[in-house]
Amino acid sequence: MKNYFECKENGQIMVEALIAITIATVGLLGIFTLVSRSLSLNRVVADQYIASNLAAEGVELVKNLIDYNVRNGLPFNNGSCLSEGNHNIDYTDLIGSSCAYDNNRFLRFDGLTRFYGYDAGADTPYKRTIIISWPQPDEIMAQSVVAWTTRGGGEFEVKLEDHFFNWR
């Protein structure tokens, strides 16, 4: 009598197992690649968020200097920090007494106060340049540029611009 249930193909289970393991490995590698890429993009977005706020702070510093001049009866564009050119303005300098420009000056993060500035704290990758120009005699154009280099060597930049008028 013939046995129809006898398996004559040896190793079929081994081949099926290898194919299943290969498919599972390719699937897991795809997932790990996606997670890795997502985490690296998360760092770029966090850096851009910080740089955007630092650039906005630069424009606000110019506004504060103009407000100081107006409150004290001075010309609205008075002071060396509001002269045409490039400046490094710090939030601790409320009257704009020292804003000399240095292209290699990085912002620092003070862990105690949780503020960015030029005097205390750990170095950061961010450099802020405030560019002042006077398109008209009664107008100040302030451009705040924050540039940084990422760990992978990518160079990024955020630019914000505002115009202030002598309307008072």
Foldseek 3Di string as FASTA:
>chain_A
DDDPPDDPDPCPVVVVVVVVVVVVVVVVVVVVVVVVVVVVVVVVVVVVVVQVVVQVVQVVLLVLLLVVCVVVVHPSQDDPVQDAAKWQDFPVPRNHHDTDDDPPQFWAAQPVVRDIGRPDHHGDQKDWIWGWDPPDPFKIKIKIKIWGADPVGDIDIDIDIDMDGPPD
